């Protein structure tokens, strides 16, 4: 009986890593979309969100099956509980990536090259944060998990910097609509950072 439970817990862990890889791939592809202003690929990434949503349902179903049928002990329940919470943040990361690509598919970046490059830098930083969080998860490393919060401070500051850049731009050119869309791109990336921080907190919960 225990061997079956252990196999299911391993599957749960593997599914988490697979879901994080889906989010990471979507982030990397979004960097490509923004760099090349590829609106066709942006639309594909919007549609791809259903894959991340499906993975969430698979993980939640597996977690519920473990609880109902496999008599997990308290330490197992901690892992399952953490899994159930983490997938919600992965799903929200996927949603924000889709939101980002929706904006990219609809706007022109003419006159906003500096701001676009800054947002690409934010996306790269978020991608590295996700990598670090998942390394902390696989290694059960609390120190690495704690470092995620400091990395998120960078995205928080970046959001303020983007806002100031766009205010300066509006003073020169009356282009409020595009400026607002660019701010929302940065805001969605900042929210991705918040969800990665949530994942870091769940890692600490599991280790403790």
C-alpha atoms as a PDB file:
ATOM      1  CA  UNK A   1       0.000   0.000   0.000  1.00  0.00           C
ATOM      2  CA  UNK A   2       2.763   2.418   0.942  1.00  0.00           C
ATOM      3  CA  UNK A   3       4.603   1.759  -2.314  1.00  0.00           C
ATOM      4  CA  UNK A   4       1.502   2.802  -4.272  1.00  0.00           C
ATOM      5  CA  UNK A   5       1.190   5.978  -2.215  1.00  0.00           C
ATOM      6  CA  UNK A   6       4.868   6.792  -2.707  1.00  0.00           C
ATOM      7  CA  UNK A   7       4.452   6.322  -6.462  1.00  0.00           C
ATOM      8  CA  UNK A   8       1.470   8.666  -6.504  1.00  0.00           C
ATOM      9  CA  UNK A   9       3.320  11.282  -4.463  1.00  0.00           C
ATOM     10  CA  UNK A  10       6.226  11.067  -6.896  1.00  0.00           C
ATOM     11  CA  UNK A  11       3.776  11.511  -9.762  1.00  0.00           C
ATOM     12  CA  UNK A  12       2.358  14.565  -7.993  1.00  0.00           C
ATOM     13  CA  UNK A  13       5.858  16.003  -7.708  1.00  0.00           C
ATOM     14  CA  UNK A  14       6.607  15.262 -11.365  1.00  0.00           C
ATOM     15  CA  UNK A  15       3.336  16.883 -12.470  1.00  0.00           C
ATOM     16  CA  UNK A  16       4.254  20.017 -10.524  1.00  0.00           C
ATOM     17  CA  UNK A  17       7.569  20.239 -12.273  1.00  0.00           C
ATOM     18  CA  UNK A  18       5.852  19.682 -15.629  1.00  0.00           C
ATOM     19  CA  UNK A  19       3.395  22.501 -14.915  1.00  0.00           C
ATOM     20  CA  UNK A  20       6.219  24.836 -13.947  1.00  0.00           C
ATOM     21  CA  UNK A  21       7.958  23.965 -17.221  1.00  0.00           C
ATOM     22  CA  UNK A  22       4.802  24.883 -19.157  1.00  0.00           C
ATOM     23  CA  UNK A  23       4.791  28.280 -17.442  1.00  0.00           C
ATOM     24  CA  UNK A  24       8.526  28.737 -18.022  1.00  0.00           C
ATOM     25  CA  UNK A  25       8.194  27.874 -21.711  1.00  0.00           C
ATOM     26  CA  UNK A  26       5.299  30.326 -22.058  1.00  0.00           C
ATOM     27  CA  UNK A  27       7.401  33.060 -20.416  1.00  0.00           C
ATOM     28  CA  UNK A  28      10.347  32.415 -22.749  1.00  0.00           C
ATOM     29  CA  UNK A  29       8.065  32.419 -25.793  1.00  0.00           C
ATOM     30  CA  UNK A  30       6.506  35.684 -24.587  1.00  0.00           C
ATOM     31  CA  UNK A  31       9.973  37.242 -24.516  1.00  0.00           C
ATOM     32  CA  UNK A  32      10.359  36.163 -28.149  1.00  0.00           C
ATOM     33  CA  UNK A  33       6.921  37.566 -29.001  1.00  0.00           C
ATOM     34  CA  UNK A  34       7.729  40.930 -27.444  1.00  0.00           C
ATOM     35  CA  UNK A  35      11.202  41.075 -28.973  1.00  0.00           C
ATOM     36  CA  UNK A  36       9.943  40.346 -32.477  1.00  0.00           C
ATOM     37  CA  UNK A  37       6.480  41.908 -32.138  1.00  0.00           C
ATOM     38  CA  UNK A  38       5.126  38.555 -33.303  1.00  0.00           C
ATOM     39  CA  UNK A  39       1.365  38.912 -33.025  1.00  0.00           C
ATOM     40  CA  UNK A  40       0.691  35.492 -34.550  1.00  0.00           C
ATOM     41  CA  UNK A  41       2.705  33.745 -31.851  1.00  0.00           C
ATOM     42  CA  UNK A  42       1.042  35.972 -29.255  1.00  0.00           C
ATOM     43  CA  UNK A  43      -2.340  34.588 -30.284  1.00  0.00           C
ATOM     44  CA  UNK A  44      -0.974  31.051 -30.062  1.00  0.00           C
ATOM     45  CA  UNK A  45       0.210  31.683 -26.508  1.00  0.00           C
ATOM     46  CA  UNK A  46      -3.227  32.994 -25.559  1.00  0.00           C
ATOM     47  CA  UNK A  47      -4.767  29.752 -26.819  1.00  0.00           C
ATOM     48  CA  UNK A  48      -2.039  27.723 -25.082  1.00  0.00           C
ATOM     49  CA  UNK A  49      -3.359  28.762 -21.676  1.00  0.00           C
ATOM     50  CA  UNK A  50      -5.867  25.905 -21.896  1.00  0.00           C
ATOM     51  CA  UNK A  51      -2.946  23.456 -21.644  1.00  0.00           C
ATOM     52  CA  UNK A  52      -1.852  24.977 -18.333  1.00  0.00           C
ATOM     53  CA  UNK A  53      -5.448  24.921 -17.088  1.00  0.00           C
ATOM     54  CA  UNK A  54      -5.749  21.246 -18.025  1.00  0.00           C
ATOM     55  CA  UNK A  55      -2.573  20.435 -16.110  1.00  0.00           C
ATOM     56  CA  UNK A  56      -4.037  22.171 -13.057  1.00  0.00           C
ATOM     57  CA  UNK A  57      -7.128  19.958 -13.213  1.00  0.00           C
ATOM     58  CA  UNK A  58      -4.982  16.816 -13.555  1.00  0.00           C
ATOM     59  CA  UNK A  59      -2.917  17.724 -10.483  1.00  0.00           C
ATOM     60  CA  UNK A  60      -5.947  18.616  -8.380  1.00  0.00           C
ATOM     61  CA  UNK A  61      -7.613  15.331  -9.344  1.00  0.00           C
ATOM     62  CA  UNK A  62      -4.487  13.380  -8.386  1.00  0.00           C
ATOM     63  CA  UNK A  63      -4.221  15.213  -5.051  1.00  0.00           C
ATOM     64  CA  UNK A  64      -7.861  14.465  -4.240  1.00  0.00           C
ATOM     65  CA  UNK A  65      -7.420  10.807  -5.204  1.00  0.00           C
ATOM     66  CA  UNK A  66      -4.478  10.502  -2.808  1.00  0.00           C
ATOM     67  CA  UNK A  67      -6.490  11.980   0.059  1.00  0.00           C
ATOM     68  CA  UNK A  68      -9.600   9.886  -0.540  1.00  0.00           C
ATOM     69  CA  UNK A  69      -8.085   6.493  -1.345  1.00  0.00           C
ATOM     70  CA  UNK A  70      -4.505   6.182  -0.109  1.00  0.00           C
ATOM     71  CA  UNK A  71      -4.625   6.972   3.627  1.00  0.00           C
ATOM     72  CA  UNK A  72      -1.745   9.480   3.637  1.00  0.00           C
ATOM     73  CA  UNK A  73      -0.019  10.273   6.937  1.00  0.00           C
ATOM     74  CA  UNK A  74       0.428  13.839   8.166  1.00  0.00           C
ATOM     75  CA  UNK A  75       3.691  14.483   6.296  1.00  0.00           C
ATOM     76  CA  UNK A  76       2.086  13.226   3.083  1.00  0.00           C
ATOM     77  CA  UNK A  77      -0.891  15.509   3.649  1.00  0.00           C
ATOM     78  CA  UNK A  78       1.450  18.496   3.914  1.00  0.00           C
ATOM     79  CA  UNK A  79       2.887  17.637   0.495  1.00  0.00           C
ATOM     80  CA  UNK A  80      -0.575  17.195  -1.008  1.00  0.00           C
ATOM     81  CA  UNK A  81      -1.825  20.433   0.555  1.00  0.00           C
ATOM     82  CA  UNK A  82       1.173  22.343  -0.770  1.00  0.00           C
ATOM     83  CA  UNK A  83       0.579  20.829  -4.192  1.00  0.00           C
ATOM     84  CA  UNK A  84      -3.046  21.926  -4.191  1.00  0.00           C
ATOM     85  CA  UNK A  85      -2.047  25.505  -3.374  1.00  0.00           C
ATOM     86  CA  UNK A  86       0.895  25.712  -5.764  1.00  0.00           C
ATOM     87  CA  UNK A  87      -1.123  24.724  -8.820  1.00  0.00           C
ATOM     88  CA  UNK A  88      -3.433  27.689  -8.292  1.00  0.00           C
ATOM     89  CA  UNK A  89      -0.457  30.034  -8.507  1.00  0.00           C
ATOM     90  CA  UNK A  90       0.886  28.278 -11.596  1.00  0.00           C
ATOM     91  CA  UNK A  91      -2.555  28.650 -13.162  1.00  0.00           C
ATOM     92  CA  UNK A  92      -2.616  32.364 -12.354  1.00  0.00           C
ATOM     93  CA  UNK A  93       0.866  32.760 -13.845  1.00  0.00           C
ATOM     94  CA  UNK A  94      -0.501  31.158 -17.012  1.00  0.00           C
ATOM     95  CA  UNK A  95      -3.452  33.562 -16.970  1.00  0.00           C
ATOM     96  CA  UNK A  96      -1.164  36.578 -16.656  1.00  0.00           C
ATOM     97  CA  UNK A  97       1.010  35.332 -19.515  1.00  0.00           C
ATOM     98  CA  UNK A  98      -2.119  35.064 -21.654  1.00  0.00           C
ATOM     99  CA  UNK A  99      -3.131  38.596 -20.584  1.00  0.00           C
ATOM    100  CA  UNK A 100       0.302  39.898 -21.568  1.00  0.00           C
ATOM    101  CA  UNK A 101       0.074  38.305 -25.001  1.00  0.00           C
ATOM    102  CA  UNK A 102      -3.421  39.657 -25.527  1.00  0.00           C
ATOM    103  CA  UNK A 103      -2.104  43.186 -25.046  1.00  0.00           C
ATOM    104  CA  UNK A 104       0.890  42.502 -27.295  1.00  0.00           C
ATOM    105  CA  UNK A 105      -1.429  41.218 -30.027  1.00  0.00           C
ATOM    106  CA  UNK A 106      -3.421  44.451 -30.012  1.00  0.00           C
ATOM    107  CA  UNK A 107      -0.950  47.337 -29.669  1.00  0.00           C
ATOM    108  CA  UNK A 108       1.887  48.955 -31.593  1.00  0.00           C
ATOM    109  CA  UNK A 109       5.230  49.615 -29.922  1.00  0.00           C
ATOM    110  CA  UNK A 110       6.216  52.403 -32.300  1.00  0.00           C
ATOM    111  CA  UNK A 111       7.706  55.171 -30.188  1.00  0.00           C
ATOM    112  CA  UNK A 112       7.976  52.919 -27.135  1.00  0.00           C
ATOM    113  CA  UNK A 113      11.140  50.919 -27.898  1.00  0.00           C
ATOM    114  CA  UNK A 114      12.820  51.890 -24.621  1.00  0.00           C
ATOM    115  CA  UNK A 115       9.818  50.818 -22.586  1.00  0.00           C
ATOM    116  CA  UNK A 116       9.503  47.572 -24.521  1.00  0.00           C
ATOM    117  CA  UNK A 117      13.137  46.671 -23.819  1.00  0.00           C
ATOM    118  CA  UNK A 118      12.596  47.377 -20.139  1.00  0.00           C
ATOM    119  CA  UNK A 119       9.564  45.087 -20.050  1.00  0.00           C
ATOM    120  CA  UNK A 120      11.576  42.351 -21.798  1.00  0.00           C
ATOM    121  CA  UNK A 121      14.128  42.685 -18.987  1.00  0.00           C
ATOM    122  CA  UNK A 122      11.310  42.234 -16.459  1.00  0.00           C
ATOM    123  CA  UNK A 123      10.129  39.083 -18.236  1.00  0.00           C
ATOM    124  CA  UNK A 124      13.657  37.653 -18.167  1.00  0.00           C
ATOM    125  CA  UNK A 125      13.872  38.371 -14.454  1.00  0.00           C
ATOM    126  CA  UNK A 126      10.512  36.693 -13.788  1.00  0.00           C
ATOM    127  CA  UNK A 127      11.654  33.658 -15.772  1.00  0.00           C
ATOM    128  CA  UNK A 128      14.805  33.360 -13.645  1.00  0.00           C
ATOM    129  CA  UNK A 129      12.713  33.739 -10.484  1.00  0.00           C
ATOM    130  CA  UNK A 130      10.551  30.825 -11.560  1.00  0.00           C
ATOM    131  CA  UNK A 131      13.655  28.745 -12.272  1.00  0.00           C
ATOM    132  CA  UNK A 132      15.033  29.540  -8.818  1.00  0.00           C
ATOM    133  CA  UNK A 133      11.731  28.752  -7.116  1.00  0.00           C
ATOM    134  CA  UNK A 134      11.496  25.359  -8.776  1.00  0.00           C
ATOM    135  CA  UNK A 135      15.104  24.572  -7.908  1.00  0.00           C
ATOM    136  CA  UNK A 136      14.252  25.446  -4.311  1.00  0.00           C
ATOM    137  CA  UNK A 137      11.250  23.120  -4.600  1.00  0.00           C
ATOM    138  CA  UNK A 138      13.161  20.147  -6.005  1.00  0.00           C
ATOM    139  CA  UNK A 139      15.994  20.599  -3.486  1.00  0.00           C
ATOM    140  CA  UNK A 140      13.657  21.564  -0.615  1.00  0.00           C
ATOM    141  CA  UNK A 141      15.993  24.497  -0.033  1.00  0.00           C
ATOM    142  CA  UNK A 142      14.574  27.113   2.355  1.00  0.00           C
ATOM    143  CA  UNK A 143      17.471  29.527   1.803  1.00  0.00           C
ATOM    144  CA  UNK A 144      16.783  29.619  -1.931  1.00  0.00           C
ATOM    145  CA  UNK A 145      13.067  30.026  -1.243  1.00  0.00           C
ATOM    146  CA  UNK A 146      13.785  33.012   1.014  1.00  0.00           C
ATOM    147  CA  UNK A 147      15.903  34.624  -1.706  1.00  0.00           C
ATOM    148  CA  UNK A 148      12.842  34.729  -3.984  1.00  0.00           C
ATOM    149  CA  UNK A 149      11.392  37.598  -1.941  1.00  0.00           C
ATOM    150  CA  UNK A 150      14.447  39.760  -2.567  1.00  0.00           C
ATOM    151  CA  UNK A 151      14.279  38.950  -6.264  1.00  0.00           C
ATOM    152  CA  UNK A 152      10.640  40.042  -6.256  1.00  0.00           C
ATOM    153  CA  UNK A 153      11.683  43.430  -4.855  1.00  0.00           C
ATOM    154  CA  UNK A 154      13.387  44.032  -8.209  1.00  0.00           C
ATOM    155  CA  UNK A 155      10.112  43.556 -10.095  1.00  0.00           C
ATOM    156  CA  UNK A 156       8.303  45.838  -7.643  1.00  0.00           C
ATOM    157  CA  UNK A 157      10.864  48.562  -8.310  1.00  0.00           C
ATOM    158  CA  UNK A 158      10.711  47.895 -12.060  1.00  0.00           C
ATOM    159  CA  UNK A 159       6.970  48.550 -12.033  1.00  0.00           C
ATOM    160  CA  UNK A 160       7.543  51.955 -10.471  1.00  0.00           C
ATOM    161  CA  UNK A 161      10.295  52.674 -12.999  1.00  0.00           C
ATOM    162  CA  UNK A 162       7.998  51.802 -15.907  1.00  0.00           C
ATOM    163  CA  UNK A 163       5.311  54.084 -14.523  1.00  0.00           C
ATOM    164  CA  UNK A 164       7.761  56.989 -14.310  1.00  0.00           C
ATOM    165  CA  UNK A 165       9.065  56.312 -17.828  1.00  0.00           C
ATOM    166  CA  UNK A 166       5.540  56.336 -19.224  1.00  0.00           C
ATOM    167  CA  UNK A 167       4.642  59.544 -17.392  1.00  0.00           C
ATOM    168  CA  UNK A 168       7.660  61.217 -18.978  1.00  0.00           C
ATOM    169  CA  UNK A 169       6.637  59.838 -22.366  1.00  0.00           C
ATOM    170  CA  UNK A 170       3.091  61.172 -22.054  1.00  0.00           C
ATOM    171  CA  UNK A 171       4.447  64.626 -21.266  1.00  0.00           C
ATOM    172  CA  UNK A 172       6.120  64.626 -24.684  1.00  0.00           C
ATOM    173  CA  UNK A 173       3.531  62.688 -26.678  1.00  0.00           C
ATOM    174  CA  UNK A 174      -0.175  62.452 -25.990  1.00  0.00           C
ATOM    175  CA  UNK A 175      -0.483  58.673 -26.228  1.00  0.00           C
ATOM    176  CA  UNK A 176      -2.324  57.692 -23.074  1.00  0.00           C
ATOM    177  CA  UNK A 177      -3.902  54.490 -24.388  1.00  0.00           C
ATOM    178  CA  UNK A 178      -0.668  52.805 -25.420  1.00  0.00           C
ATOM    179  CA  UNK A 179       1.077  54.030 -22.277  1.00  0.00           C
ATOM    180  CA  UNK A 180      -1.643  52.434 -20.152  1.00  0.00           C
ATOM    181  CA  UNK A 181      -1.311  49.139 -22.054  1.00  0.00           C
ATOM    182  CA  UNK A 182       2.454  49.138 -21.480  1.00  0.00           C
ATOM    183  CA  UNK A 183       1.925  49.806 -17.785  1.00  0.00           C
ATOM    184  CA  UNK A 184      -0.456  46.838 -17.640  1.00  0.00           C
ATOM    185  CA  UNK A 185       2.215  44.625 -19.251  1.00  0.00           C
ATOM    186  CA  UNK A 186       4.579  45.563 -16.436  1.00  0.00           C
ATOM    187  CA  UNK A 187       1.821  45.111 -13.853  1.00  0.00           C
ATOM    188  CA  UNK A 188       1.062  41.575 -15.034  1.00  0.00           C
ATOM    189  CA  UNK A 189       4.762  40.685 -14.789  1.00  0.00           C
ATOM    190  CA  UNK A 190       4.878  42.117 -11.271  1.00  0.00           C
ATOM    191  CA  UNK A 191       1.894  39.927 -10.376  1.00  0.00           C
ATOM    192  CA  UNK A 192       3.711  36.891 -11.782  1.00  0.00           C
ATOM    193  CA  UNK A 193       6.485  37.707  -9.313  1.00  0.00           C
ATOM    194  CA  UNK A 194       3.938  37.765  -6.485  1.00  0.00           C
ATOM    195  CA  UNK A 195       2.708  34.286  -7.432  1.00  0.00           C
ATOM    196  CA  UNK A 196       6.282  32.996  -7.506  1.00  0.00           C
ATOM    197  CA  UNK A 197       6.669  34.400  -3.978  1.00  0.00           C
ATOM    198  CA  UNK A 198       3.589  32.415  -2.976  1.00  0.00           C
ATOM    199  CA  UNK A 199       5.238  29.288  -4.354  1.00  0.00           C
ATOM    200  CA  UNK A 200       8.337  30.075  -2.282  1.00  0.00           C
ATOM    201  CA  UNK A 201       6.190  30.348   0.851  1.00  0.00           C
ATOM    202  CA  UNK A 202       4.635  26.931   0.158  1.00  0.00           C
ATOM    203  CA  UNK A 203       8.101  25.419  -0.170  1.00  0.00           C
ATOM    204  CA  UNK A 204       8.977  26.775   3.274  1.00  0.00           C
ATOM    205  CA  UNK A 205       5.716  25.370   4.615  1.00  0.00           C
ATOM    206  CA  UNK A 206       6.508  21.916   3.245  1.00  0.00           C
ATOM    207  CA  UNK A 207      10.073  21.845   4.555  1.00  0.00           C
ATOM    208  CA  UNK A 208       9.134  23.057   8.016  1.00  0.00           C
END
